[in-house]
Each structure stands twice: as C-alpha cells, then as structure tokens.
Amino acid sequence: MDIAVLCETIMLITFGCSWPFNIAKSLKSKTTLGKSLYFELIIEVGYCFGIAAKLIIFNRTGVLQYSFWFYILDILLVLTDICLYFRNYKIDKEMGRI
C-alpha cells in the first residue's frame, strides 16, 4: 500500500466525518445564518480537482486508487449541505431573517 494514498485517504475520511455534523446542524437550525455558500463551493471545487487527479492517474496507470471513492463520498456530503443551504435560504426569506 502506498503511504501517500493512505495519508490522503485518512485526510478524506476525517474531512468526511465532519460533514454529517454540518448537515445535521443545517437540518436542525433551518437558517443560513453563520453558513457560507462560497466556502462550500470552494470545497466542492477542491474535491473535483482531487477526483480529476485520480482519473488522470487511472488513465495513465489503469489503477483507480481507492481514495477516489472517498472523494466521491465527500463531494456528495458537501452537495447535500449545499442543497440544505438553499432550503434554509428560502426559510430565512419566508421568516424575514434576510
């Protein structure tokens, strides 16, 4: 096992562990106050570049590194929170908070 891929995977797992808490907070709070859509979009772009790197490696070697799947999971978690942002934005507007 390549130690670099292992370290990258552990990083992705630890980042991924934080998103369910963020999603739960978004579900419970029903507000966008204290949230940054731009921050989440920047995170998504970063994950997209990570996925692109894994696909480039796959194209060159024929080996799809297992860390690829953690990028997919993380990007889906952040996308879930982005969707909740838009739901909560609508709620904020209806409640007159923004």
N, C-alpha and C. Protein backbone atom coordinates (compact mmCIF):
# COMPACT_ATOMS: atom_id res chain seq x y z
N MET A 1 0.84 -1.17 0.00
CA MET A 1 0.00 0.00 0.00
C MET A 1 0.89 1.25 0.00
N ASP A 2 0.54 2.19 -0.83
CA ASP A 2 1.28 3.44 -0.95
C ASP A 2 0.93 4.34 0.25
N ILE A 3 1.93 4.75 1.00
CA ILE A 3 1.71 5.56 2.20
C ILE A 3 1.08 6.91 1.86
N ALA A 4 1.42 7.48 0.71
CA ALA A 4 0.85 8.76 0.30
C ALA A 4 -0.66 8.63 0.09
N VAL A 5 -1.08 7.55 -0.56
CA VAL A 5 -2.51 7.31 -0.78
C VAL A 5 -3.21 7.05 0.55
N LEU A 6 -2.55 6.34 1.45
CA LEU A 6 -3.12 6.08 2.77
C LEU A 6 -3.32 7.40 3.53
N CYS A 7 -2.31 8.27 3.52
CA CYS A 7 -2.43 9.57 4.20
C CYS A 7 -3.55 10.41 3.58
N GLU A 8 -3.63 10.40 2.26
CA GLU A 8 -4.68 11.15 1.57
C GLU A 8 -6.06 10.60 1.95
N THR A 9 -6.18 9.29 2.00
CA THR A 9 -7.45 8.67 2.35
C THR A 9 -7.85 9.00 3.78
N ILE A 10 -6.91 8.98 4.69
CA ILE A 10 -7.21 9.35 6.08
C ILE A 10 -7.66 10.80 6.16
N MET A 11 -7.03 11.69 5.40
CA MET A 11 -7.45 13.08 5.35
C MET A 11 -8.88 13.18 4.85
N LEU A 12 -9.21 12.46 3.79
CA LEU A 12 -10.56 12.49 3.23
C LEU A 12 -11.59 11.92 4.21
N ILE A 13 -11.20 10.87 4.94
CA ILE A 13 -12.11 10.29 5.93
C ILE A 13 -12.37 11.28 7.06
N THR A 14 -11.32 11.92 7.56
CA THR A 14 -11.52 12.86 8.65
C THR A 14 -12.34 14.07 8.20
N PHE A 15 -12.09 14.59 7.01
CA PHE A 15 -12.93 15.67 6.49
C PHE A 15 -14.36 15.17 6.33
N GLY A 16 -14.50 13.98 5.79
CA GLY A 16 -15.83 13.41 5.56
C GLY A 16 -16.61 13.20 6.84
N CYS A 17 -15.91 12.91 7.93
CA CYS A 17 -16.59 12.71 9.23
C CYS A 17 -17.21 14.01 9.74
N SER A 18 -16.69 15.15 9.34
CA SER A 18 -17.23 16.42 9.83
C SER A 18 -18.52 16.82 9.11
N TRP A 19 -18.69 16.37 7.87
CA TRP A 19 -19.85 16.84 7.10
C TRP A 19 -21.19 16.34 7.63
N PRO A 20 -21.33 15.12 8.12
CA PRO A 20 -22.63 14.74 8.68
C PRO A 20 -23.06 15.64 9.85
N PHE A 21 -22.10 16.11 10.65
CA PHE A 21 -22.43 17.04 11.74
C PHE A 21 -22.92 18.37 11.17
N ASN A 22 -22.26 18.83 10.12
CA ASN A 22 -22.66 20.08 9.47
C ASN A 22 -24.04 19.95 8.84
N ILE A 23 -24.31 18.80 8.23
CA ILE A 23 -25.61 18.54 7.62
C ILE A 23 -26.69 18.52 8.70
N ALA A 24 -26.42 17.85 9.82
CA ALA A 24 -27.38 17.79 10.93
C ALA A 24 -27.67 19.19 11.47
N LYS A 25 -26.63 20.01 11.57
CA LYS A 25 -26.82 21.39 12.04
C LYS A 25 -27.69 22.17 11.07
N SER A 26 -27.47 21.98 9.77
CA SER A 26 -28.28 22.67 8.75
C SER A 26 -29.73 22.22 8.82
N LEU A 27 -29.94 20.94 9.04
CA LEU A 27 -31.31 20.42 9.15
C LEU A 27 -32.02 20.99 10.38
N LYS A 28 -31.31 21.04 11.49
CA LYS A 28 -31.90 21.46 12.75
C LYS A 28 -32.12 22.97 12.82
N SER A 29 -31.14 23.75 12.36
CA SER A 29 -31.20 25.20 12.52
C SER A 29 -32.19 25.87 11.58
N LYS A 30 -32.36 25.30 10.39
CA LYS A 30 -33.24 25.87 9.36
C LYS A 30 -32.92 27.33 9.07
N THR A 31 -31.63 27.65 9.04
CA THR A 31 -31.19 29.00 8.70
C THR A 31 -29.83 28.93 7.99
N THR A 32 -29.59 29.97 7.20
CA THR A 32 -28.28 30.08 6.55
C THR A 32 -27.35 30.98 7.35
N LEU A 33 -27.86 31.57 8.42
CA LEU A 33 -27.03 32.46 9.24
C LEU A 33 -25.85 31.68 9.79
N GLY A 34 -24.67 32.21 9.59
CA GLY A 34 -23.45 31.55 10.03
C GLY A 34 -22.90 30.55 9.02
N LYS A 35 -23.55 30.40 7.88
CA LYS A 35 -23.09 29.49 6.83
C LYS A 35 -22.53 30.30 5.66
N SER A 36 -21.62 29.71 4.93
CA SER A 36 -21.04 30.37 3.76
C SER A 36 -21.16 29.46 2.55
N LEU A 37 -22.02 29.85 1.63
CA LEU A 37 -22.18 29.09 0.40
C LEU A 37 -20.88 29.10 -0.41
N TYR A 38 -20.19 30.23 -0.43
CA TYR A 38 -18.94 30.32 -1.17
C TYR A 38 -17.89 29.34 -0.63
N PHE A 39 -17.83 29.23 0.69
CA PHE A 39 -16.90 28.29 1.31
C PHE A 39 -17.19 26.87 0.84
N GLU A 40 -18.45 26.49 0.87
CA GLU A 40 -18.81 25.13 0.46
C GLU A 40 -18.55 24.90 -1.02
N LEU A 41 -18.77 25.91 -1.84
CA LEU A 41 -18.48 25.77 -3.27
C LEU A 41 -16.98 25.63 -3.52
N ILE A 42 -16.18 26.35 -2.76
CA ILE A 42 -14.72 26.22 -2.89
C ILE A 42 -14.29 24.81 -2.49
N ILE A 43 -14.88 24.27 -1.44
CA ILE A 43 -14.58 22.89 -1.02
C ILE A 43 -14.94 21.92 -2.15
N GLU A 44 -16.10 22.12 -2.77
CA GLU A 44 -16.52 21.26 -3.88
C GLU A 44 -15.53 21.31 -5.03
N VAL A 45 -15.07 22.51 -5.36
CA VAL A 45 -14.09 22.65 -6.45
C VAL A 45 -12.81 21.88 -6.10
N GLY A 46 -12.38 22.00 -4.86
CA GLY A 46 -11.18 21.26 -4.43
C GLY A 46 -11.37 19.76 -4.58
N TYR A 47 -12.52 19.25 -4.14
CA TYR A 47 -12.80 17.82 -4.29
C TYR A 47 -12.85 17.42 -5.77
N CYS A 48 -13.40 18.29 -6.61
CA CYS A 48 -13.45 17.99 -8.06
C CYS A 48 -12.04 17.86 -8.63
N PHE A 49 -11.12 18.72 -8.19
CA PHE A 49 -9.74 18.60 -8.65
C PHE A 49 -9.10 17.32 -8.13
N GLY A 50 -9.44 16.91 -6.91
CA GLY A 50 -8.95 15.64 -6.39
C GLY A 50 -9.44 14.47 -7.22
N ILE A 51 -10.72 14.51 -7.59
CA ILE A 51 -11.29 13.47 -8.45
C ILE A 51 -10.60 13.47 -9.80
N ALA A 52 -10.38 14.67 -10.36
CA ALA A 52 -9.70 14.77 -11.66
C ALA A 52 -8.31 14.16 -11.58
N ALA A 53 -7.60 14.42 -10.48
CA ALA A 53 -6.26 13.84 -10.32
C ALA A 53 -6.32 12.32 -10.32
N LYS A 54 -7.30 11.76 -9.62
CA LYS A 54 -7.43 10.30 -9.56
C LYS A 54 -7.78 9.73 -10.93
N LEU A 55 -8.59 10.44 -11.69
CA LEU A 55 -8.94 9.96 -13.04
C LEU A 55 -7.74 10.05 -13.98
N ILE A 56 -6.93 11.08 -13.82
CA ILE A 56 -5.70 11.19 -14.63
C ILE A 56 -4.77 10.03 -14.31
N ILE A 57 -4.60 9.74 -13.02
CA ILE A 57 -3.76 8.60 -12.62
C ILE A 57 -4.33 7.30 -13.19
N PHE A 58 -5.65 7.15 -13.13
CA PHE A 58 -6.29 5.95 -13.68
C PHE A 58 -6.02 5.84 -15.18
N ASN A 59 -6.12 6.96 -15.88
CA ASN A 59 -5.88 6.97 -17.33
C ASN A 59 -4.44 6.57 -17.66
N ARG A 60 -3.50 6.98 -16.83
CA ARG A 60 -2.08 6.69 -17.06
C ARG A 60 -1.69 5.27 -16.66
N THR A 61 -2.29 4.77 -15.57
CA THR A 61 -1.84 3.50 -15.00
C THR A 61 -2.85 2.37 -15.10
N GLY A 62 -4.12 2.72 -15.31
CA GLY A 62 -5.17 1.70 -15.30
C GLY A 62 -5.58 1.30 -13.89
N VAL A 63 -5.07 2.00 -12.89
CA VAL A 63 -5.38 1.70 -11.49
C VAL A 63 -6.20 2.86 -10.90
N LEU A 64 -7.39 2.53 -10.43
CA LEU A 64 -8.23 3.53 -9.77
C LEU A 64 -7.97 3.41 -8.27
N GLN A 65 -7.29 4.40 -7.72
CA GLN A 65 -6.94 4.37 -6.31
C GLN A 65 -8.20 4.43 -5.45
N TYR A 66 -8.19 3.70 -4.34
CA TYR A 66 -9.39 3.61 -3.52
C TYR A 66 -9.75 4.95 -2.88
N SER A 67 -8.82 5.88 -2.80
CA SER A 67 -9.15 7.20 -2.25
C SER A 67 -10.15 7.94 -3.14
N PHE A 68 -10.23 7.54 -4.41
CA PHE A 68 -11.20 8.13 -5.34
C PHE A 68 -12.61 8.08 -4.76
N TRP A 69 -12.97 6.95 -4.16
CA TRP A 69 -14.33 6.76 -3.64
C TRP A 69 -14.61 7.65 -2.44
N PHE A 70 -13.59 8.00 -1.69
CA PHE A 70 -13.78 8.92 -0.57
C PHE A 70 -13.99 10.35 -1.07
N TYR A 71 -13.36 10.69 -2.20
CA TYR A 71 -13.65 11.98 -2.82
C TYR A 71 -15.12 12.03 -3.24
N ILE A 72 -15.60 10.97 -3.84
CA ILE A 72 -17.00 10.92 -4.27
C ILE A 72 -17.92 11.08 -3.07
N LEU A 73 -17.67 10.34 -2.00
CA LEU A 73 -18.50 10.42 -0.80
C LEU A 73 -18.47 11.85 -0.23
N ASP A 74 -17.29 12.42 -0.11
CA ASP A 74 -17.18 13.77 0.45
C ASP A 74 -17.89 14.80 -0.41
N ILE A 75 -17.76 14.68 -1.72
CA ILE A 75 -18.42 15.65 -2.60
C ILE A 75 -19.94 15.53 -2.48
N LEU A 76 -20.44 14.33 -2.30
CA LEU A 76 -21.89 14.14 -2.12
C LEU A 76 -22.37 14.71 -0.78
N LEU A 77 -21.56 14.57 0.25
CA LEU A 77 -21.91 15.14 1.55
C LEU A 77 -21.97 16.67 1.48
N VAL A 78 -20.98 17.28 0.85
CA VAL A 78 -20.98 18.74 0.73
C VAL A 78 -22.14 19.18 -0.15
N LEU A 79 -22.43 18.46 -1.21
CA LEU A 79 -23.56 18.78 -2.08
C LEU A 79 -24.87 18.73 -1.30
N THR A 80 -25.01 17.76 -0.41
CA THR A 80 -26.19 17.68 0.44
C THR A 80 -26.34 18.94 1.29
N ASP A 81 -25.22 19.39 1.87
CA ASP A 81 -25.28 20.59 2.69
C ASP A 81 -25.57 21.83 1.84
N ILE A 82 -25.09 21.86 0.61
CA ILE A 82 -25.39 22.98 -0.29
C ILE A 82 -26.89 23.01 -0.60
N CYS A 83 -27.46 21.85 -0.84
CA CYS A 83 -28.91 21.79 -1.08
C CYS A 83 -29.68 22.29 0.13
N LEU A 84 -29.22 21.91 1.31
CA LEU A 84 -29.87 22.38 2.54
C LEU A 84 -29.70 23.90 2.71
N TYR A 85 -28.60 24.44 2.23
CA TYR A 85 -28.39 25.88 2.26
C TYR A 85 -29.52 26.58 1.50
N PHE A 86 -29.83 26.08 0.31
CA PHE A 86 -30.89 26.71 -0.49
C PHE A 86 -32.26 26.53 0.15
N ARG A 87 -32.49 25.37 0.76
CA ARG A 87 -33.74 25.17 1.51
C ARG A 87 -33.83 26.17 2.65
N ASN A 88 -32.74 26.28 3.40
CA ASN A 88 -32.73 27.18 4.55
C ASN A 88 -32.80 28.65 4.14
N TYR A 89 -32.24 28.97 2.99
CA TYR A 89 -32.32 30.34 2.47
C TYR A 89 -33.78 30.71 2.22
N LYS A 90 -34.51 29.78 1.64
CA LYS A 90 -35.94 30.01 1.39
C LYS A 90 -36.68 30.20 2.72
N ILE A 91 -36.36 29.39 3.70
CA ILE A 91 -36.99 29.53 5.02
C ILE A 91 -36.63 30.89 5.64
N ASP A 92 -35.36 31.30 5.52
CA ASP A 92 -34.93 32.59 6.04
C ASP A 92 -35.73 33.73 5.40
N LYS A 93 -35.93 33.64 4.09
CA LYS A 93 -36.71 34.68 3.40
C LYS A 93 -38.15 34.71 3.89
N GLU A 94 -38.75 33.54 4.04
CA GLU A 94 -40.13 33.45 4.49
C GLU A 94 -40.29 34.00 5.92
N MET A 95 -39.28 33.81 6.75
CA MET A 95 -39.31 34.24 8.15
C MET A 95 -38.86 35.70 8.30
N GLY A 96 -38.40 36.31 7.20
CA GLY A 96 -37.96 37.70 7.24
C GLY A 96 -36.61 37.91 7.88
N ARG A 97 -35.80 36.85 7.92
CA ARG A 97 -34.47 36.98 8.53
C ARG A 97 -33.46 37.58 7.58
N ILE A 98 -33.76 37.55 6.29
CA ILE A 98 -32.84 38.15 5.30
C ILE A 98 -33.61 39.02 4.34
